[in-house]
Amino acid sequence: MISKYQLYKSSFDLTLKIINFFLAKSVDDRLFELIKNTLIDESKDETFNNKIKVGQLSLSQFYSFSIDVYKINSWPIGLVELVVEDLKNNFLILELNIFRNKNERYFQPNSSIAKFASDQNIIDNLIFGFEYIIEKYSDSVVKIENTDFTNKISIGTGFFNHYFDGLKIITNAHVLESAKKLRIFSERNEEFKILKVRKSTKKDIAIIEIENPPSVIPFSFNPQPKILDEIITIGYPSIPMVREAYQIFHKGEVNSLVQDYSGNRLFLISAKTSSGNSGSPVIDSTGRVIGMVTKELFDKGELEATGKLPYYAAISVIEILNEMKQKA
């Protein structure tokens, strides 16, 4: 069965036109001026034109606009209605029931949310979902290869974020421990030259500066994870009986906010993790990072003795931001 994102992807440019039309009043002044100039009709009553002027737009007006401006006379069946429902379900637009009748539905942008989502560049993430987020950000997650002094190689994960003075890689400090040699690779197997590494003395956080940072879409942060929020992780966990470390995706939810014995602010997730996932970004449905996989919480021997499973823990973005504010 075709997924919703596959449907959107097959009509990607058309889908963006629908999104932009209904959000224009809040996020695109130039487009909204074009909409007003196209749709306002002096022969209509004042109420009709006033609704357009304040961004209260209907489905039939969208179809009229698309014919006049985009020269599109037909649309994939159900596409416009599906996109509008997704905009509504994500609180980006509001349906105005006071204007609704059998033949017409009016919508207006939910201004504060629409503008915030536009400023954060996450409208597309909200509408297209996790499949799209994976495609958009997979190049922003890197593999870190650590060769220790016994020549044993271990794998960890890192991700790109705009540090205060440029693009940097964020990962766990323990991913870099006991390294005789560190190598960092993109998903496309391009190797990056390391210029500088800064490890926190108190937190399991490290920041890596590389030469010639690539042209990728860096992750932004959401410092307010909520219990039962859906999340995904992207990383390079170890996989038995395979030759390479592959980028793997896991889906889960936020289960709890906790502090460990050292006072670190962590949260628990249900997405499976294993060695190699350390440093993986934990990504919410907006495409923003809410934390970073750090470790499994378990009592040694409990799994074998009682079947007690470990909990998977992530460092909160608040801890990462606090560390990034420290002087290098």
C-alpha atoms as a PDB file:
ATOM      1  CA  MET A   1       0.000   0.000   0.000  1.00  0.00           C
ATOM      2  CA  ILE A   2       1.310   3.443  -0.898  1.00  0.00           C
ATOM      3  CA  SER A   3       2.120   5.608   2.108  1.00  0.00           C
ATOM      4  CA  LYS A   4       0.865   9.152   2.518  1.00  0.00           C
ATOM      5  CA  TYR A   5       4.363  10.518   1.992  1.00  0.00           C
ATOM      6  CA  GLN A   6       4.774   8.514  -1.236  1.00  0.00           C
ATOM      7  CA  LEU A   7       1.545  10.114  -2.451  1.00  0.00           C
ATOM      8  CA  TYR A   8       2.848  13.552  -1.526  1.00  0.00           C
ATOM      9  CA  LYS A   9       6.246  12.804  -3.047  1.00  0.00           C
ATOM     10  CA  SER A  10       4.674  11.856  -6.371  1.00  0.00           C
ATOM     11  CA  SER A  11       3.010  15.302  -6.410  1.00  0.00           C
ATOM     12  CA  PHE A  12       5.619  17.194  -4.394  1.00  0.00           C
ATOM     13  CA  ASP A  13       5.502  20.565  -6.160  1.00  0.00           C
ATOM     14  CA  LEU A  14       1.708  20.506  -6.218  1.00  0.00           C
ATOM     15  CA  THR A  15       1.599  19.698  -2.508  1.00  0.00           C
ATOM     16  CA  LEU A  16       3.858  22.657  -1.724  1.00  0.00           C
ATOM     17  CA  LYS A  17       1.557  24.946  -3.721  1.00  0.00           C
ATOM     18  CA  ILE A  18      -1.395  23.896  -1.548  1.00  0.00           C
ATOM     19  CA  ILE A  19       0.560  24.421   1.681  1.00  0.00           C
ATOM     20  CA  ASN A  20       1.869  27.809   0.592  1.00  0.00           C
ATOM     21  CA  PHE A  21      -1.571  29.054  -0.468  1.00  0.00           C
ATOM     22  CA  PHE A  22      -3.308  28.380   2.825  1.00  0.00           C
ATOM     23  CA  LEU A  23      -0.396  29.651   4.945  1.00  0.00           C
ATOM     24  CA  ALA A  24       0.505  32.680   2.821  1.00  0.00           C
ATOM     25  CA  LYS A  25      -1.156  35.260   5.077  1.00  0.00           C
ATOM     26  CA  SER A  26       1.266  34.338   7.898  1.00  0.00           C
ATOM     27  CA  VAL A  27       4.432  33.276   6.116  1.00  0.00           C
ATOM     28  CA  ASP A  28       4.692  34.758   2.608  1.00  0.00           C
ATOM     29  CA  ASP A  29       3.670  38.408   2.104  1.00  0.00           C
ATOM     30  CA  ARG A  30       4.457  38.423  -1.613  1.00  0.00           C
ATOM     31  CA  LEU A  31       2.342  35.349  -2.329  1.00  0.00           C
ATOM     32  CA  PHE A  32      -0.505  36.701  -0.213  1.00  0.00           C
ATOM     33  CA  GLU A  33      -0.516  39.949  -2.204  1.00  0.00           C
ATOM     34  CA  LEU A  34      -0.788  37.873  -5.380  1.00  0.00           C
ATOM     35  CA  ILE A  35      -3.663  35.885  -3.867  1.00  0.00           C
ATOM     36  CA  LYS A  36      -5.533  39.065  -2.943  1.00  0.00           C
ATOM     37  CA  ASN A  37      -4.964  40.657  -6.347  1.00  0.00           C
ATOM     38  CA  THR A  38      -6.180  37.495  -8.083  1.00  0.00           C
ATOM     39  CA  LEU A  39      -9.227  36.686  -5.961  1.00  0.00           C
ATOM     40  CA  ILE A  40     -10.665  39.995  -4.816  1.00  0.00           C
ATOM     41  CA  ASP A  41     -13.630  40.820  -7.022  1.00  0.00           C
ATOM     42  CA  GLU A  42     -15.167  44.285  -6.749  1.00  0.00           C
ATOM     43  CA  SER A  43     -18.425  42.922  -8.091  1.00  0.00           C
ATOM     44  CA  LYS A  44     -18.782  40.686  -5.046  1.00  0.00           C
ATOM     45  CA  ASP A  45     -20.186  41.837  -1.732  1.00  0.00           C
ATOM     46  CA  GLU A  46     -17.898  43.419   0.840  1.00  0.00           C
ATOM     47  CA  THR A  47     -17.971  40.375   3.153  1.00  0.00           C
ATOM     48  CA  PHE A  48     -16.551  38.146   0.392  1.00  0.00           C
ATOM     49  CA  ASN A  49     -13.599  40.459  -0.246  1.00  0.00           C
ATOM     50  CA  ASN A  50     -12.950  41.196   3.433  1.00  0.00           C
ATOM     51  CA  LYS A  51     -12.515  37.484   4.155  1.00  0.00           C
ATOM     52  CA  ILE A  52      -9.844  37.279   1.475  1.00  0.00           C
ATOM     53  CA  LYS A  53      -8.064  40.362   2.832  1.00  0.00           C
ATOM     54  CA  VAL A  54      -7.642  38.758   6.283  1.00  0.00           C
ATOM     55  CA  GLY A  55      -6.553  35.390   4.876  1.00  0.00           C
ATOM     56  CA  GLN A  56      -9.819  33.469   5.228  1.00  0.00           C
ATOM     57  CA  LEU A  57      -9.703  31.317   2.115  1.00  0.00           C
ATOM     58  CA  SER A  58     -11.791  28.471   0.763  1.00  0.00           C
ATOM     59  CA  LEU A  59     -11.084  25.346  -1.248  1.00  0.00           C
ATOM     60  CA  SER A  60     -12.924  26.711  -4.273  1.00  0.00           C
ATOM     61  CA  GLN A  61     -10.827  29.879  -4.110  1.00  0.00           C
ATOM     62  CA  PHE A  62      -7.690  27.754  -4.151  1.00  0.00           C
ATOM     63  CA  TYR A  63      -8.892  25.984  -7.291  1.00  0.00           C
ATOM     64  CA  SER A  64      -9.681  29.353  -8.932  1.00  0.00           C
ATOM     65  CA  PHE A  65      -6.256  30.706  -7.991  1.00  0.00           C
ATOM     66  CA  SER A  66      -4.493  27.612  -9.328  1.00  0.00           C
ATOM     67  CA  ILE A  67      -6.260  27.974 -12.681  1.00  0.00           C
ATOM     68  CA  ASP A  68      -5.517  31.699 -12.994  1.00  0.00           C
ATOM     69  CA  VAL A  69      -1.931  31.721 -11.666  1.00  0.00           C
ATOM     70  CA  TYR A  70      -0.518  28.180 -11.962  1.00  0.00           C
ATOM     71  CA  LYS A  71      -2.555  27.295 -15.087  1.00  0.00           C
ATOM     72  CA  ILE A  72      -3.509  24.009 -13.417  1.00  0.00           C
ATOM     73  CA  ASN A  73      -7.004  22.835 -14.329  1.00  0.00           C
ATOM     74  CA  SER A  74      -7.044  19.475 -12.567  1.00  0.00           C
ATOM     75  CA  TRP A  75      -5.497  18.009  -9.425  1.00  0.00           C
ATOM     76  CA  PRO A  76      -4.848  14.433  -8.242  1.00  0.00           C
ATOM     77  CA  ILE A  77      -8.078  13.159  -6.702  1.00  0.00           C
ATOM     78  CA  GLY A  78      -8.272  14.001  -3.000  1.00  0.00           C
ATOM     79  CA  LEU A  79      -4.821  15.624  -2.804  1.00  0.00           C
ATOM     80  CA  VAL A  80      -5.987  19.132  -1.902  1.00  0.00           C
ATOM     81  CA  GLU A  81      -8.387  17.868   0.750  1.00  0.00           C
ATOM     82  CA  LEU A  82      -5.730  15.558   2.237  1.00  0.00           C
ATOM     83  CA  VAL A  83      -3.133  18.342   2.518  1.00  0.00           C
ATOM     84  CA  VAL A  84      -5.677  20.708   4.056  1.00  0.00           C
ATOM     85  CA  GLU A  85      -6.601  18.081   6.661  1.00  0.00           C
ATOM     86  CA  ASP A  86      -2.916  17.612   7.512  1.00  0.00           C
ATOM     87  CA  LEU A  87      -2.468  21.362   7.890  1.00  0.00           C
ATOM     88  CA  LYS A  88      -5.491  21.383  10.173  1.00  0.00           C
ATOM     89  CA  ASN A  89      -4.382  18.369  12.227  1.00  0.00           C
ATOM     90  CA  ASN A  90      -1.010  20.024  12.826  1.00  0.00           C
ATOM     91  CA  PHE A  91      -2.760  23.251  13.944  1.00  0.00           C
ATOM     92  CA  LEU A  92      -1.177  25.227  11.107  1.00  0.00           C
ATOM     93  CA  ILE A  93      -4.593  26.330   9.860  1.00  0.00           C
ATOM     94  CA  LEU A  94      -8.002  26.671  11.507  1.00  0.00           C
ATOM     95  CA  GLU A  95     -11.317  25.810   9.908  1.00  0.00           C
ATOM     96  CA  LEU A  96     -13.892  28.580  10.220  1.00  0.00           C
ATOM     97  CA  ASN A  97     -17.137  26.778  10.908  1.00  0.00           C
ATOM     98  CA  ILE A  98     -19.060  30.047  10.956  1.00  0.00           C
ATOM     99  CA  PHE A  99     -18.594  30.289   7.181  1.00  0.00           C
ATOM    100  CA  ARG A 100     -19.092  26.628   6.404  1.00  0.00           C
ATOM    101  CA  ASN A 101     -22.009  25.440   4.336  1.00  0.00           C
ATOM    102  CA  LYS A 102     -22.716  22.490   2.078  1.00  0.00           C
ATOM    103  CA  ASN A 103     -20.597  23.859  -0.733  1.00  0.00           C
ATOM    104  CA  GLU A 104     -17.795  25.771   0.939  1.00  0.00           C
ATOM    105  CA  ARG A 105     -15.148  25.403   3.658  1.00  0.00           C
ATOM    106  CA  TYR A 106     -13.038  28.353   4.790  1.00  0.00           C
ATOM    107  CA  PHE A 107      -9.653  28.231   6.518  1.00  0.00           C
ATOM    108  CA  GLN A 108      -7.201  30.735   7.931  1.00  0.00           C
ATOM    109  CA  PRO A 109      -3.611  30.332   9.187  1.00  0.00           C
ATOM    110  CA  ASN A 110      -3.111  29.711  12.883  1.00  0.00           C
ATOM    111  CA  SER A 111      -0.742  32.671  12.827  1.00  0.00           C
ATOM    112  CA  SER A 112       1.560  32.087  15.796  1.00  0.00           C
ATOM    113  CA  ILE A 113       2.083  28.383  15.068  1.00  0.00           C
ATOM    114  CA  ALA A 114       2.391  28.863  11.308  1.00  0.00           C
ATOM    115  CA  LYS A 115       4.962  31.638  11.683  1.00  0.00           C
ATOM    116  CA  PHE A 116       6.977  29.679  14.263  1.00  0.00           C
ATOM    117  CA  ALA A 117       6.978  26.576  12.036  1.00  0.00           C
ATOM    118  CA  SER A 118       8.061  28.687   9.067  1.00  0.00           C
ATOM    119  CA  ASP A 119      10.864  30.380  11.026  1.00  0.00           C
ATOM    120  CA  GLN A 120      12.087  26.969  12.208  1.00  0.00           C
ATOM    121  CA  ASN A 121      11.852  25.495   8.680  1.00  0.00           C
ATOM    122  CA  ILE A 122       9.686  22.598   9.894  1.00  0.00           C
ATOM    123  CA  ILE A 123       6.396  22.993   8.011  1.00  0.00           C
ATOM    124  CA  ASP A 124       7.464  20.366   5.478  1.00  0.00           C
ATOM    125  CA  ASN A 125       8.551  18.011   8.296  1.00  0.00           C
ATOM    126  CA  LEU A 126       5.157  18.270   9.989  1.00  0.00           C
ATOM    127  CA  ILE A 127       3.203  17.598   6.815  1.00  0.00           C
ATOM    128  CA  PHE A 128       5.356  14.944   5.157  1.00  0.00           C
ATOM    129  CA  GLY A 129       6.270  12.971   8.309  1.00  0.00           C
ATOM    130  CA  PHE A 130       9.108  10.713   9.398  1.00  0.00           C
ATOM    131  CA  GLU A 131       9.795   9.170   5.966  1.00  0.00           C
ATOM    132  CA  TYR A 132      10.537  12.641   4.648  1.00  0.00           C
ATOM    133  CA  ILE A 133      12.535  13.624   7.740  1.00  0.00           C
ATOM    134  CA  ILE A 134      14.785  10.588   7.220  1.00  0.00           C
ATOM    135  CA  GLU A 135      15.407  11.578   3.591  1.00  0.00           C
ATOM    136  CA  LYS A 136      15.994  15.214   4.507  1.00  0.00           C
ATOM    137  CA  TYR A 137      18.464  14.648   7.346  1.00  0.00           C
ATOM    138  CA  SER A 138      20.207  11.322   6.668  1.00  0.00           C
ATOM    139  CA  ASP A 139      23.251  13.187   5.294  1.00  0.00           C
ATOM    140  CA  SER A 140      23.359  15.176   8.550  1.00  0.00           C
ATOM    141  CA  VAL A 141      24.163  12.040  10.594  1.00  0.00           C
ATOM    142  CA  VAL A 142      27.747  10.723  10.531  1.00  0.00           C
ATOM    143  CA  LYS A 143      29.594   7.545  11.450  1.00  0.00           C
ATOM    144  CA  ILE A 144      32.485   7.889  13.917  1.00  0.00           C
ATOM    145  CA  GLU A 145      35.158   5.172  13.828  1.00  0.00           C
ATOM    146  CA  ASN A 146      37.349   4.879  16.943  1.00  0.00           C
ATOM    147  CA  THR A 147      40.520   2.783  16.794  1.00  0.00           C
ATOM    148  CA  ASP A 148      41.919   2.261  20.299  1.00  0.00           C
ATOM    149  CA  PHE A 149      45.496   1.455  21.359  1.00  0.00           C
ATOM    150  CA  THR A 150      44.896  -2.284  20.971  1.00  0.00           C
ATOM    151  CA  ASN A 151      43.722  -1.599  17.383  1.00  0.00           C
ATOM    152  CA  LYS A 152      40.153  -2.557  18.264  1.00  0.00           C
ATOM    153  CA  ILE A 153      37.635  -0.560  16.196  1.00  0.00           C
ATOM    154  CA  SER A 154      34.344   0.647  17.614  1.00  0.00           C
ATOM    155  CA  ILE A 155      31.602   2.668  15.934  1.00  0.00           C
ATOM    156  CA  GLY A 156      29.568   5.604  17.184  1.00  0.00           C
ATOM    157  CA  THR A 157      27.278   8.243  15.716  1.00  0.00           C
ATOM    158  CA  GLY A 158      27.270  12.037  15.492  1.00  0.00           C
ATOM    159  CA  PHE A 159      25.080  14.686  13.909  1.00  0.00           C
ATOM    160  CA  PHE A 160      25.483  18.178  12.479  1.00  0.00           C
ATOM    161  CA  ASN A 161      24.227  21.273  14.260  1.00  0.00           C
ATOM    162  CA  HIS A 162      24.964  24.957  13.736  1.00  0.00           C
ATOM    163  CA  TYR A 163      27.254  25.748  16.620  1.00  0.00           C
ATOM    164  CA  PHE A 164      27.574  29.425  17.558  1.00  0.00           C
ATOM    165  CA  ASP A 165      30.459  29.922  15.123  1.00  0.00           C
ATOM    166  CA  GLY A 166      29.635  27.380  12.436  1.00  0.00           C
ATOM    167  CA  LEU A 167      28.654  23.820  11.582  1.00  0.00           C
ATOM    168  CA  LYS A 168      29.901  21.257  14.109  1.00  0.00           C
ATOM    169  CA  ILE A 169      29.332  17.573  14.912  1.00  0.00           C
ATOM    170  CA  ILE A 170      27.705  16.684  18.234  1.00  0.00           C
ATOM    171  CA  THR A 171      28.302  13.259  19.778  1.00  0.00           C
ATOM    172  CA  ASN A 172      28.931  11.491  23.091  1.00  0.00           C
ATOM    173  CA  ALA A 173      32.246  11.989  24.851  1.00  0.00           C
ATOM    174  CA  HIS A 174      32.501   8.236  25.441  1.00  0.00           C
ATOM    175  CA  VAL A 175      32.407   7.616  21.668  1.00  0.00           C
ATOM    176  CA  LEU A 176      35.825   9.320  21.493  1.00  0.00           C
ATOM    177  CA  GLU A 177      37.436   7.733  24.576  1.00  0.00           C
ATOM    178  CA  SER A 178      40.752   5.849  24.408  1.00  0.00           C
ATOM    179  CA  ALA A 179      41.179   6.706  20.740  1.00  0.00           C
ATOM    180  CA  LYS A 180      44.493   6.233  19.015  1.00  0.00           C
ATOM    181  CA  LYS A 181      42.804   7.263  15.780  1.00  0.00           C
ATOM    182  CA  LEU A 182      39.439   8.844  14.997  1.00  0.00           C
ATOM    183  CA  ARG A 183      37.802   8.874  11.576  1.00  0.00           C
ATOM    184  CA  ILE A 184      34.459  10.416  10.631  1.00  0.00           C
ATOM    185  CA  PHE A 185      32.446   9.400   7.569  1.00  0.00           C
ATOM    186  CA  SER A 186      29.289  10.672   5.919  1.00  0.00           C
ATOM    187  CA  GLU A 187      26.488   8.349   4.839  1.00  0.00           C
ATOM    188  CA  ARG A 188      27.991   8.622   1.360  1.00  0.00           C
ATOM    189  CA  ASN A 189      31.322   7.357   2.793  1.00  0.00           C
ATOM    190  CA  GLU A 190      33.058  10.721   2.441  1.00  0.00           C
ATOM    191  CA  GLU A 191      35.714  11.129   5.133  1.00  0.00           C
ATOM    192  CA  PHE A 192      35.971  14.397   7.050  1.00  0.00           C
ATOM    193  CA  LYS A 193      39.228  15.768   8.421  1.00  0.00           C
ATOM    194  CA  ILE A 194      39.025  16.511  12.140  1.00  0.00           C
ATOM    195  CA  LEU A 195      40.368  19.903  13.189  1.00  0.00           C
ATOM    196  CA  LYS A 196      39.411  20.103  16.845  1.00  0.00           C
ATOM    197  CA  VAL A 197      37.652  18.026  19.499  1.00  0.00           C
ATOM    198  CA  ARG A 198      36.189  19.338  22.732  1.00  0.00           C
ATOM    199  CA  LYS A 199      34.903  16.876  25.308  1.00  0.00           C
ATOM    200  CA  SER A 200      32.898  17.886  28.352  1.00  0.00           C
ATOM    201  CA  THR A 201      34.570  17.108  31.659  1.00  0.00           C
ATOM    202  CA  LYS A 202      31.225  16.435  33.374  1.00  0.00           C
ATOM    203  CA  LYS A 203      28.700  15.397  30.710  1.00  0.00           C
ATOM    204  CA  ASP A 204      28.746  12.694  28.049  1.00  0.00           C
ATOM    205  CA  ILE A 205      28.925  15.336  25.324  1.00  0.00           C
ATOM    206  CA  ALA A 206      31.578  16.186  22.736  1.00  0.00           C
ATOM    207  CA  ILE A 207      31.793  18.757  19.955  1.00  0.00           C
ATOM    208  CA  ILE A 208      33.893  18.127  16.850  1.00  0.00           C
ATOM    209  CA  GLU A 209      35.082  20.717  14.364  1.00  0.00           C
ATOM    210  CA  ILE A 210      35.927  19.458  10.872  1.00  0.00           C
ATOM    211  CA  GLU A 211      37.649  20.923   7.831  1.00  0.00           C
ATOM    212  CA  ASN A 212      35.404  22.023   4.951  1.00  0.00           C
ATOM    213  CA  PRO A 213      31.994  21.215   6.480  1.00  0.00           C
ATOM    214  CA  PRO A 214      29.627  19.717   3.887  1.00  0.00           C
ATOM    215  CA  SER A 215      26.506  21.339   2.490  1.00  0.00           C
ATOM    216  CA  VAL A 216      23.904  19.572   4.619  1.00  0.00           C
ATOM    217  CA  ILE A 217      20.743  20.604   6.432  1.00  0.00           C
ATOM    218  CA  PRO A 218      21.814  20.835  10.076  1.00  0.00           C
ATOM    219  CA  PHE A 219      19.456  19.782  12.832  1.00  0.00           C
ATOM    220  CA  SER A 220      17.815  22.410  14.989  1.00  0.00           C
ATOM    221  CA  PHE A 221      16.922  21.773  18.630  1.00  0.00           C
ATOM    222  CA  ASN A 222      13.680  21.408  20.544  1.00  0.00           C
ATOM    223  CA  PRO A 223      14.496  21.673  24.282  1.00  0.00           C
ATOM    224  CA  GLN A 224      11.010  20.637  25.431  1.00  0.00           C
ATOM    225  CA  PRO A 225      10.349  16.930  24.847  1.00  0.00           C
ATOM    226  CA  LYS A 226       6.948  15.734  25.996  1.00  0.00           C
ATOM    227  CA  ILE A 227       5.980  12.382  27.450  1.00  0.00           C
ATOM    228  CA  LEU A 228       4.691   9.977  24.751  1.00  0.00           C
ATOM    229  CA  ASP A 229       5.885  12.209  21.902  1.00  0.00           C
ATOM    230  CA  GLU A 230       6.708  10.067  18.861  1.00  0.00           C
ATOM    231  CA  ILE A 231      10.398  10.029  17.976  1.00  0.00           C
ATOM    232  CA  ILE A 232      12.895   8.380  15.662  1.00  0.00           C
ATOM    233  CA  THR A 233      16.623   7.785  16.000  1.00  0.00           C
ATOM    234  CA  ILE A 234      19.164   7.687  13.168  1.00  0.00           C
ATOM    235  CA  GLY A 235      22.475   6.006  13.857  1.00  0.00           C
ATOM    236  CA  TYR A 236      25.039   3.289  13.194  1.00  0.00           C
ATOM    237  CA  PRO A 237      24.298   0.470  15.658  1.00  0.00           C
ATOM    238  CA  SER A 238      26.279  -2.740  15.480  1.00  0.00           C
ATOM    239  CA  ILE A 239      24.571  -5.434  13.398  1.00  0.00           C
ATOM    240  CA  PRO A 240      25.705  -9.045  13.798  1.00  0.00           C
ATOM    241  CA  MET A 241      26.923 -10.865  10.683  1.00  0.00           C
ATOM    242  CA  VAL A 242      27.154  -7.836   8.383  1.00  0.00           C
ATOM    243  CA  ARG A 243      30.338  -6.396   6.937  1.00  0.00           C
ATOM    244  CA  GLU A 244      29.712  -2.646   7.271  1.00  0.00           C
ATOM    245  CA  ALA A 245      28.079  -0.252   9.700  1.00  0.00           C
ATOM    246  CA  TYR A 246      24.826   0.856   8.140  1.00  0.00           C
ATOM    247  CA  GLN A 247      22.582   3.794   8.957  1.00  0.00           C
ATOM    248  CA  ILE A 248      19.617   2.364  10.868  1.00  0.00           C
ATOM    249  CA  PHE A 249      16.336   4.009  11.839  1.00  0.00           C
ATOM    250  CA  HIS A 250      14.257   3.198  14.905  1.00  0.00           C
ATOM    251  CA  LYS A 251      10.884   4.572  15.927  1.00  0.00           C
ATOM    252  CA  GLY A 252       9.531   4.934  19.456  1.00  0.00           C
ATOM    253  CA  GLU A 253       8.267   7.440  21.993  1.00  0.00           C
ATOM    254  CA  VAL A 254       9.449   9.424  24.972  1.00  0.00           C
ATOM    255  CA  ASN A 255       8.674   7.436  28.125  1.00  0.00           C
ATOM    256  CA  SER A 256       9.922   9.534  31.037  1.00  0.00           C
ATOM    257  CA  LEU A 257      12.135  12.431  32.116  1.00  0.00           C
ATOM    258  CA  VAL A 258      14.730  11.374  34.714  1.00  0.00           C
ATOM    259  CA  GLN A 259      17.997  12.307  36.436  1.00  0.00           C
ATOM    260  CA  ASP A 260      20.824   9.838  36.963  1.00  0.00           C
ATOM    261  CA  TYR A 261      23.023   9.557  40.082  1.00  0.00           C
ATOM    262  CA  SER A 262      25.318  12.276  38.703  1.00  0.00           C
ATOM    263  CA  GLY A 263      22.458  14.739  38.255  1.00  0.00           C
ATOM    264  CA  ASN A 264      22.414  14.512  34.446  1.00  0.00           C
ATOM    265  CA  ARG A 265      19.035  15.335  32.913  1.00  0.00           C
ATOM    266  CA  LEU A 266      18.038  12.386  30.751  1.00  0.00           C
ATOM    267  CA  PHE A 267      14.893  11.038  29.195  1.00  0.00           C
ATOM    268  CA  LEU A 268      13.937   7.466  28.397  1.00  0.00           C
ATOM    269  CA  ILE A 269      12.843   6.309  24.953  1.00  0.00           C
ATOM    270  CA  SER A 270      11.289   3.089  23.688  1.00  0.00           C
ATOM    271  CA  ALA A 271      13.225   3.118  20.397  1.00  0.00           C
ATOM    272  CA  LYS A 272      15.722   0.250  20.358  1.00  0.00           C
ATOM    273  CA  THR A 273      19.366   1.244  20.702  1.00  0.00           C
ATOM    274  CA  SER A 274      22.637  -0.664  20.885  1.00  0.00           C
ATOM    275  CA  SER A 275      26.365  -0.016  20.717  1.00  0.00           C
ATOM    276  CA  GLY A 276      26.994   2.277  17.788  1.00  0.00           C
ATOM    277  CA  ASN A 277      23.816   4.271  18.474  1.00  0.00           C
ATOM    278  CA  SER A 278      25.720   6.358  21.010  1.00  0.00           C
ATOM    279  CA  GLY A 279      25.570   9.947  19.763  1.00  0.00           C
ATOM    280  CA  SER A 280      22.477   9.336  17.627  1.00  0.00           C
ATOM    281  CA  PRO A 281      20.034  12.242  17.421  1.00  0.00           C
ATOM    282  CA  VAL A 282      16.605  11.659  18.918  1.00  0.00           C
ATOM    283  CA  ILE A 283      14.253  13.405  16.506  1.00  0.00           C
ATOM    284  CA  ASP A 284      10.645  14.429  17.086  1.00  0.00           C
ATOM    285  CA  SER A 285       7.817  14.728  14.543  1.00  0.00           C
ATOM    286  CA  THR A 286       8.857  18.308  13.746  1.00  0.00           C
ATOM    287  CA  GLY A 287      12.274  17.062  12.588  1.00  0.00           C
ATOM    288  CA  ARG A 288      14.049  18.758  15.489  1.00  0.00           C
ATOM    289  CA  VAL A 289      16.478  17.049  17.853  1.00  0.00           C
ATOM    290  CA  ILE A 290      15.183  16.707  21.417  1.00  0.00           C
ATOM    291  CA  GLY A 291      18.210  14.803  22.703  1.00  0.00           C
ATOM    292  CA  MET A 292      21.057  12.407  21.979  1.00  0.00           C
ATOM    293  CA  VAL A 293      21.274   8.672  22.703  1.00  0.00           C
ATOM    294  CA  THR A 294      23.818   8.120  25.453  1.00  0.00           C
ATOM    295  CA  LYS A 295      23.529   4.721  27.146  1.00  0.00           C
ATOM    296  CA  GLU A 296      21.419   1.834  28.346  1.00  0.00           C
ATOM    297  CA  LEU A 297      20.325   1.901  31.982  1.00  0.00           C
ATOM    298  CA  PHE A 298      20.508  -1.583  33.484  1.00  0.00           C
ATOM    299  CA  ASP A 299      21.837  -3.557  36.426  1.00  0.00           C
ATOM    300  CA  LYS A 300      24.601  -5.934  35.422  1.00  0.00           C
ATOM    301  CA  GLY A 301      23.369  -9.513  35.346  1.00  0.00           C
ATOM    302  CA  GLU A 302      19.691  -8.614  35.765  1.00  0.00           C
ATOM    303  CA  LEU A 303      18.764  -9.606  32.205  1.00  0.00           C
ATOM    304  CA  GLU A 304      20.186 -13.094  32.644  1.00  0.00           C
ATOM    305  CA  ALA A 305      18.937 -13.513  36.214  1.00  0.00           C
ATOM    306  CA  THR A 306      15.431 -12.039  36.031  1.00  0.00           C
ATOM    307  CA  GLY A 307      14.789 -11.100  32.396  1.00  0.00           C
ATOM    308  CA  LYS A 308      14.729  -7.428  33.362  1.00  0.00           C
ATOM    309  CA  LEU A 309      15.252  -5.398  30.198  1.00  0.00           C
ATOM    310  CA  PRO A 310      17.376  -2.236  30.021  1.00  0.00           C
ATOM    311  CA  TYR A 311      15.993   1.242  29.518  1.00  0.00           C
ATOM    312  CA  TYR A 312      17.342   3.376  26.693  1.00  0.00           C
ATOM    313  CA  ALA A 313      18.451   6.842  27.809  1.00  0.00           C
ATOM    314  CA  ALA A 314      19.102  10.087  25.952  1.00  0.00           C
ATOM    315  CA  ILE A 315      20.761  13.308  27.042  1.00  0.00           C
ATOM    316  CA  SER A 316      18.359  16.231  26.860  1.00  0.00           C
ATOM    317  CA  VAL A 317      18.957  19.126  24.482  1.00  0.00           C
ATOM    318  CA  ILE A 318      19.127  21.422  27.528  1.00  0.00           C
ATOM    319  CA  GLU A 319      22.324  19.669  28.623  1.00  0.00           C
ATOM    320  CA  ILE A 320      23.757  19.902  25.099  1.00  0.00           C
ATOM    321  CA  LEU A 321      22.928  23.602  24.828  1.00  0.00           C
ATOM    322  CA  ASN A 322      24.482  24.315  28.224  1.00  0.00           C
ATOM    323  CA  GLU A 323      27.652  22.566  27.120  1.00  0.00           C
ATOM    324  CA  MET A 324      27.750  24.415  23.803  1.00  0.00           C
ATOM    325  CA  LYS A 325      27.585  27.743  25.644  1.00  0.00           C
ATOM    326  CA  GLN A 326      30.805  26.962  27.475  1.00  0.00           C
ATOM    327  CA  LYS A 327      33.977  28.453  26.063  1.00  0.00           C
ATOM    328  CA  ALA A 328      35.940  26.138  23.813  1.00  0.00           C
END
